[in-house]
Amino acid sequence: MDLLITGGAGFIGSNFIKYMLANNDHNIINVDKLTYAGNLDNLKDIADHKNYKFIKGDICNPELINQVVNQNIDMIINFAAESHVDKSLDNPNLFFKTNVLGTQILLDAAVENDISKFIQISTDEVYGPGQKGEFHTEEDALSPTNPYAASKASADLLVLSYQNTYGLPINITRSTNNYGPYQYPEKIIPLFITNLLENKKVPLYGDGRHVRDWLHVKDHCRAIELIINKGKSGEIYNISSNNRFENIELTKKILTNLNKSEEYIEYVKDRQGHDRAYFIDASKIREQLNWQPEYDFIKGLKKTINWYKSNKKWWKKLKEK
């Protein structure tokens, strides 16, 4: 099978490409604009793989996308997105251009070239905040509360409309927060790990009581592979590992792993529109596709910390930017 992976030089996309090349015989074309979070160092070890090809390009360029998809592409998996909530507060226009217009251009190419499936990689944030004990299912209405989440929700609705209008086979994935190797050090786990490795304090928003569910990126990759092979057309799949922690709990786990005291916590002003918690129900993918997370969070976090310890050259040059 010939796959087009967009945004494959980012955190989740690069992990997915390496996972697929290690476990399948698919041909993969990776189109990535290489914005600040796109990094070819993530893929250095497979750059010369016989089944892999990289093209630098923007998903908002319809001529390029049509040219690529016309190369007998069977399936598109769209990871390409602006994804940092803080940045979306400063520049919403960029998020809607990439996350909505870019998705629409990919969808048009998919319809024009009659591909077998389009998979949209989305986020649990499209549902908006939830209350403990109230878990969002795939049938729930979308209620995003920040420009990033609104742009992803808009893209999801666009994807669904292309199935309804043009008969395009689609799937949408909505996962909880990912962690693991090669994550850009603006996100909480790599930021806190690398700050502590530099003997710096960690900036914790507000009272630190915001709740997130943590999914190891390789468990996410396994879920997407199952959706490629077995996902029913038109279905949306929530992906969650049920590793929910308040940010203060998460911070203390990182501090403990790195033998640092709580004096390294610096409470900072909360960001605008900061959702208190997300709760999603991932029963569908567990029951329909028999997916289960393999990573224990404590072991996965320790392994992630060790990766950042062993790859200082990778993250130091990113933080220097």
Protein backbone atom coordinates (compact mmCIF):
# COMPACT_ATOMS: atom_id res chain seq x y z
CA MET A 1 0.00 0.00 0.00
CA ASP A 2 1.21 3.53 -0.80
CA LEU A 3 0.61 5.99 2.04
CA LEU A 4 0.81 9.77 2.07
CA ILE A 5 1.70 10.98 5.55
CA THR A 6 1.35 14.73 6.02
CA GLY A 7 3.18 16.40 8.90
CA GLY A 8 5.42 13.36 9.21
CA ALA A 9 8.40 15.30 10.54
CA GLY A 10 6.53 16.28 13.69
CA PHE A 11 6.33 14.39 16.95
CA ILE A 12 3.48 11.92 16.36
CA GLY A 13 3.95 11.74 12.58
CA SER A 14 7.64 10.84 12.77
CA ASN A 15 7.02 8.18 15.41
CA PHE A 16 4.24 6.77 13.22
CA ILE A 17 6.40 6.62 10.08
CA LYS A 18 9.16 4.76 11.91
CA TYR A 19 6.64 2.41 13.48
CA MET A 20 5.03 1.61 10.12
CA LEU A 21 8.35 1.05 8.33
CA ALA A 22 9.45 -1.30 11.10
CA ASN A 23 6.22 -3.33 11.09
CA ASN A 24 4.89 -3.19 7.52
CA ASP A 25 5.97 -3.19 3.89
CA HIS A 26 4.07 -0.05 2.87
CA ASN A 27 5.59 2.70 0.74
CA ILE A 28 5.44 6.05 2.53
CA ILE A 29 5.65 9.58 1.15
CA ASN A 30 6.06 12.20 3.85
CA VAL A 31 5.04 15.78 3.03
CA ASP A 32 6.02 18.31 5.68
CA LYS A 33 6.47 22.07 5.53
CA LEU A 34 9.19 21.89 8.21
CA THR A 35 7.84 24.68 10.37
CA TYR A 36 9.51 25.12 13.77
CA ALA A 37 8.07 21.83 15.10
CA GLY A 38 8.92 19.79 12.00
CA ASN A 39 12.36 18.26 12.35
CA LEU A 40 14.09 15.90 9.91
CA ASP A 41 16.43 14.85 12.72
CA ASN A 42 13.44 12.84 13.99
CA LEU A 43 13.72 10.68 10.85
CA LYS A 44 17.47 10.62 10.32
CA ASP A 45 17.72 6.89 10.99
CA ILE A 46 15.23 5.97 8.24
CA ALA A 47 15.98 8.75 5.72
CA ASP A 48 17.47 6.26 3.23
CA HIS A 49 14.88 3.52 3.73
CA LYS A 50 13.86 2.01 0.39
CA ASN A 51 10.16 2.46 1.18
CA TYR A 52 10.38 6.08 2.32
CA LYS A 53 10.45 9.40 0.49
CA PHE A 54 10.40 12.93 1.93
CA ILE A 55 8.98 15.96 0.12
CA LYS A 56 9.23 19.41 1.65
CA GLY A 57 5.94 21.14 1.03
CA ASP A 58 2.86 22.85 2.38
CA ILE A 59 -0.51 21.07 2.52
CA CYS A 60 -2.03 24.45 1.61
CA ASN A 61 -0.41 24.15 -1.85
CA PRO A 62 -3.05 22.39 -4.02
CA GLU A 63 -0.74 21.93 -7.02
CA LEU A 64 1.84 20.09 -4.94
CA ILE A 65 -0.71 17.97 -3.10
CA ASN A 66 -2.46 16.93 -6.32
CA GLN A 67 0.88 16.05 -7.88
CA VAL A 68 1.81 13.86 -4.91
CA VAL A 69 -1.57 12.14 -4.49
CA ASN A 70 -1.63 11.41 -8.22
CA GLN A 71 1.40 9.11 -7.68
CA ASN A 72 -0.89 6.12 -6.99
CA ILE A 73 -1.45 7.05 -3.35
CA ASP A 74 -3.87 4.61 -1.72
CA MET A 75 -4.45 6.37 1.60
CA ILE A 76 -3.82 9.76 3.26
CA ILE A 77 -3.12 10.07 6.98
CA ASN A 78 -3.20 13.74 7.94
CA PHE A 79 -1.02 14.59 10.94
CA ALA A 80 -0.17 18.07 9.63
CA ALA A 81 -1.42 20.71 12.06
CA GLU A 82 -0.54 23.68 14.15
CA SER A 83 -1.09 22.20 17.59
CA HIS A 84 0.18 24.38 20.44
CA VAL A 85 -2.75 26.03 22.24
CA ASP A 86 -0.65 28.92 23.56
CA LYS A 87 0.43 29.87 20.03
CA SER A 88 -3.17 29.67 18.79
CA LEU A 89 -4.10 32.45 21.21
CA ASP A 90 -1.56 34.76 19.56
CA ASN A 91 -2.16 33.81 15.92
CA PRO A 92 -5.51 32.09 15.29
CA ASN A 93 -5.30 32.82 11.55
CA LEU A 94 -2.30 30.50 11.12
CA PHE A 95 -4.16 27.67 12.84
CA PHE A 96 -7.27 27.98 10.68
CA LYS A 97 -5.21 28.22 7.51
CA THR A 98 -3.22 25.05 8.18
CA ASN A 99 -5.76 23.00 10.09
CA VAL A 100 -8.86 23.80 8.02
CA LEU A 101 -7.78 25.04 4.58
CA GLY A 102 -4.93 22.52 4.46
CA THR A 103 -7.30 19.69 5.34
CA GLN A 104 -9.76 20.82 2.67
CA ILE A 105 -7.02 20.78 0.00
CA LEU A 106 -6.04 17.25 1.04
CA LEU A 107 -9.68 16.16 0.91
CA ASP A 108 -10.13 17.61 -2.58
CA ALA A 109 -7.08 15.67 -3.78
CA ALA A 110 -8.40 12.51 -2.11
CA VAL A 111 -11.73 12.80 -3.94
CA GLU A 112 -10.10 13.72 -7.26
CA ASN A 113 -7.79 10.70 -7.10
CA ASP A 114 -10.32 8.25 -5.64
CA ILE A 115 -8.16 7.13 -2.71
CA SER A 116 -9.26 4.20 -0.54
CA LYS A 117 -9.34 6.09 2.79
CA PHE A 118 -8.62 9.46 4.39
CA ILE A 119 -7.65 9.40 8.09
CA GLN A 120 -7.81 12.66 10.02
CA ILE A 121 -5.68 12.81 13.17
CA SER A 122 -7.64 15.00 15.57
CA THR A 123 -7.73 15.63 19.32
CA ASP A 124 -9.91 15.14 22.39
CA GLU A 125 -9.91 18.93 22.79
CA VAL A 126 -12.63 19.27 20.15
CA TYR A 127 -15.18 18.09 22.75
CA GLY A 128 -14.29 20.90 25.13
CA PRO A 129 -13.79 20.46 28.86
CA GLY A 130 -15.45 17.62 30.74
CA GLN A 131 -16.40 16.83 34.29
CA LYS A 132 -15.12 13.89 36.29
CA GLY A 133 -17.43 10.95 35.68
CA GLU A 134 -18.77 12.43 32.42
CA PHE A 135 -16.84 10.92 29.52
CA HIS A 136 -17.25 12.19 25.96
CA THR A 137 -18.10 9.56 23.36
CA GLU A 138 -17.65 9.86 19.61
CA GLU A 139 -21.35 10.77 19.26
CA ASP A 140 -21.14 13.84 21.51
CA ALA A 141 -21.43 17.36 20.14
CA LEU A 142 -18.23 19.34 19.66
CA SER A 143 -17.68 22.31 21.96
CA PRO A 144 -14.12 23.64 21.51
CA THR A 145 -13.04 26.52 23.74
CA ASN A 146 -9.81 27.83 22.16
CA PRO A 147 -8.73 28.65 18.58
CA TYR A 148 -6.61 25.50 18.23
CA ALA A 149 -9.45 23.20 19.29
CA ALA A 150 -11.93 25.15 17.15
CA SER A 151 -9.72 24.75 14.09
CA LYS A 152 -9.45 20.99 14.67
CA ALA A 153 -13.21 20.68 15.23
CA SER A 154 -13.82 22.59 12.00
CA ALA A 155 -11.50 20.21 10.14
CA ASP A 156 -13.31 17.19 11.62
CA LEU A 157 -16.66 18.49 10.39
CA LEU A 158 -15.17 19.13 6.96
CA VAL A 159 -13.87 15.56 6.79
CA LEU A 160 -17.30 14.19 7.73
CA SER A 161 -18.94 16.39 5.10
CA TYR A 162 -16.70 14.95 2.37
CA GLN A 163 -17.85 11.45 3.21
CA ASN A 164 -21.49 12.52 3.14
CA THR A 165 -21.21 14.65 0.00
CA TYR A 166 -18.63 12.82 -2.12
CA GLY A 167 -18.65 9.32 -0.65
CA LEU A 168 -15.02 9.58 0.48
CA PRO A 169 -14.14 6.77 2.93
CA ILE A 170 -12.85 8.42 6.11
CA ASN A 171 -11.89 7.85 9.71
CA ILE A 172 -11.19 10.41 12.43
CA THR A 173 -9.06 9.74 15.49
CA ARG A 174 -9.33 11.81 18.67
CA SER A 175 -6.59 10.99 21.12
CA THR A 176 -5.67 12.31 24.52
CA ASN A 177 -2.32 14.02 25.21
CA ASN A 178 0.63 12.11 23.76
CA TYR A 179 4.10 11.77 25.28
CA GLY A 180 7.30 10.01 24.27
CA PRO A 181 10.52 10.57 22.28
CA TYR A 182 10.97 13.41 19.78
CA GLN A 183 8.28 15.66 21.28
CA TYR A 184 9.04 19.34 20.71
CA PRO A 185 10.11 20.93 24.03
CA GLU A 186 7.26 23.43 24.23
CA LYS A 187 4.85 20.78 25.55
CA ILE A 188 4.65 20.18 29.28
CA ILE A 189 6.46 16.82 29.60
CA PRO A 190 9.51 17.55 27.42
CA LEU A 191 9.64 21.18 28.60
CA PHE A 192 9.71 20.16 32.25
CA ILE A 193 12.19 17.32 31.68
CA THR A 194 14.61 19.47 29.70
CA ASN A 195 14.31 22.44 32.07
CA LEU A 196 15.19 20.20 35.00
CA LEU A 197 18.10 18.66 33.09
CA GLU A 198 19.33 22.24 32.67
CA ASN A 199 18.76 22.83 36.40
CA LYS A 200 15.98 25.34 35.66
CA LYS A 201 12.57 25.70 37.27
CA VAL A 202 9.41 24.41 35.61
CA PRO A 203 6.53 26.86 34.87
CA LEU A 204 3.27 25.37 36.12
CA TYR A 205 0.08 27.14 35.04
CA GLY A 206 -2.38 28.40 37.64
CA ASP A 207 -2.94 26.11 40.61
CA GLY A 208 -1.63 23.05 38.76
CA ARG A 209 -4.96 21.21 39.15
CA HIS A 210 -5.76 20.88 35.43
CA VAL A 211 -6.32 17.23 34.49
CA ARG A 212 -4.98 15.49 31.36
CA ASP A 213 -4.94 11.88 30.18
CA TRP A 214 -1.54 10.68 28.93
CA LEU A 215 -1.08 8.28 26.00
CA HIS A 216 2.31 6.98 24.91
CA VAL A 217 2.92 7.90 21.28
CA LYS A 218 3.68 4.27 20.33
CA ASP A 219 0.32 3.15 21.70
CA HIS A 220 -1.22 5.86 19.51
CA CYS A 221 0.72 4.55 16.49
CA ARG A 222 -0.61 1.03 17.10
CA ALA A 223 -4.15 2.40 17.25
CA ILE A 224 -3.78 4.21 13.92
CA GLU A 225 -2.36 1.07 12.29
CA LEU A 226 -5.46 -0.85 13.42
CA ILE A 227 -7.71 1.86 12.00
CA ILE A 228 -5.86 1.68 8.67
CA ASN A 229 -6.40 -2.07 8.48
CA LYS A 230 -9.74 -2.59 10.24
CA GLY A 231 -11.41 0.77 10.83
CA LYS A 232 -14.96 0.92 9.51
CA SER A 233 -15.47 3.75 7.03
CA GLY A 234 -17.11 6.80 8.56
CA GLU A 235 -16.20 5.91 12.14
CA ILE A 236 -14.60 8.25 14.66
CA TYR A 237 -12.35 6.62 17.25
CA ASN A 238 -11.44 8.09 20.64
CA ILE A 239 -8.02 6.89 21.84
CA SER A 240 -7.31 7.03 25.55
CA SER A 241 -5.13 5.09 28.00
CA ASN A 242 -6.92 6.22 31.19
CA ASN A 243 -3.73 7.69 32.67
CA ARG A 244 -5.31 10.81 34.13
CA PHE A 245 -3.31 13.11 36.38
CA GLU A 246 -3.50 16.67 37.60
CA ASN A 247 -0.60 18.67 36.20
CA ILE A 248 0.82 19.04 39.71
CA GLU A 249 0.82 15.22 40.06
CA LEU A 250 2.56 14.88 36.71
CA THR A 251 5.11 17.50 37.69
CA LYS A 252 5.92 15.71 40.94
CA LYS A 253 6.42 12.42 39.08
CA ILE A 254 8.94 14.11 36.77
CA LEU A 255 10.68 15.78 39.74
CA THR A 256 10.95 12.44 41.56
CA ASN A 257 12.43 10.72 38.51
CA LEU A 258 15.08 13.42 38.22
CA ASN A 259 15.77 13.67 41.97
CA LYS A 260 14.62 17.28 42.15
CA SER A 261 12.68 18.92 44.98
CA GLU A 262 9.39 20.78 44.70
CA GLU A 263 11.37 24.02 45.01
CA TYR A 264 11.85 23.69 41.25
CA ILE A 265 8.12 24.37 40.66
CA GLU A 266 7.35 27.94 39.63
CA TYR A 267 3.62 28.71 39.57
CA VAL A 268 2.84 31.11 36.72
CA LYS A 269 -0.27 32.98 35.60
CA ASP A 270 -2.80 30.67 33.98
CA ARG A 271 -3.32 30.99 30.24
CA GLN A 272 -6.54 32.35 28.74
CA GLY A 273 -9.33 29.83 28.28
CA HIS A 274 -7.40 26.99 29.90
CA ASP A 275 -9.74 23.98 29.97
CA ARG A 276 -9.82 22.35 33.39
CA ALA A 277 -10.02 18.71 32.25
CA TYR A 278 -10.77 16.39 29.35
CA PHE A 279 -12.49 13.04 29.75
CA ILE A 280 -13.14 10.76 26.78
CA ASP A 281 -14.52 7.25 26.44
CA ALA A 282 -12.36 4.98 24.26
CA SER A 283 -14.63 1.92 24.50
CA LYS A 284 -15.29 1.81 20.76
CA ILE A 285 -11.71 1.22 19.63
CA ARG A 286 -11.15 -1.25 22.47
CA GLU A 287 -14.26 -3.26 21.63
CA GLN A 288 -14.41 -2.97 17.83
CA LEU A 289 -10.69 -3.14 17.01
CA ASN A 290 -9.40 -4.92 20.12
CA TRP A 291 -6.91 -2.13 20.89
CA GLN A 292 -5.35 -1.87 24.33
CA PRO A 293 -2.52 0.43 25.47
CA GLU A 294 0.69 -1.44 26.23
CA TYR A 295 2.61 1.27 28.07
CA ASP A 296 2.35 1.60 31.84
CA PHE A 297 2.57 5.35 32.46
CA ILE A 298 5.25 5.29 35.17
CA LYS A 299 7.49 3.03 33.07
CA GLY A 300 6.72 5.01 29.92
CA LEU A 301 7.53 8.30 31.64
CA LYS A 302 10.82 6.94 32.96
CA LYS A 303 11.72 5.67 29.49
CA THR A 304 10.85 9.08 28.03
CA ILE A 305 12.99 10.88 30.61
CA ASN A 306 15.89 8.57 29.80
CA TRP A 307 15.46 9.34 26.10
CA TYR A 308 15.77 13.09 26.75
CA LYS A 309 18.79 12.43 28.96
CA SER A 310 20.44 10.50 26.12
CA ASN A 311 19.51 12.96 23.36
CA LYS A 312 20.54 16.35 24.72
CA LYS A 313 21.97 17.39 21.37
CA TRP A 314 18.54 16.89 19.76
CA TRP A 315 16.59 19.10 22.18
CA LYS A 316 19.25 21.66 23.09
CA LYS A 317 19.40 23.09 19.58
CA LEU A 318 15.60 23.33 19.52
CA LYS A 319 15.50 25.23 22.80
CA GLU A 320 18.28 27.53 21.63
CA LYS A 321 16.01 28.68 18.79
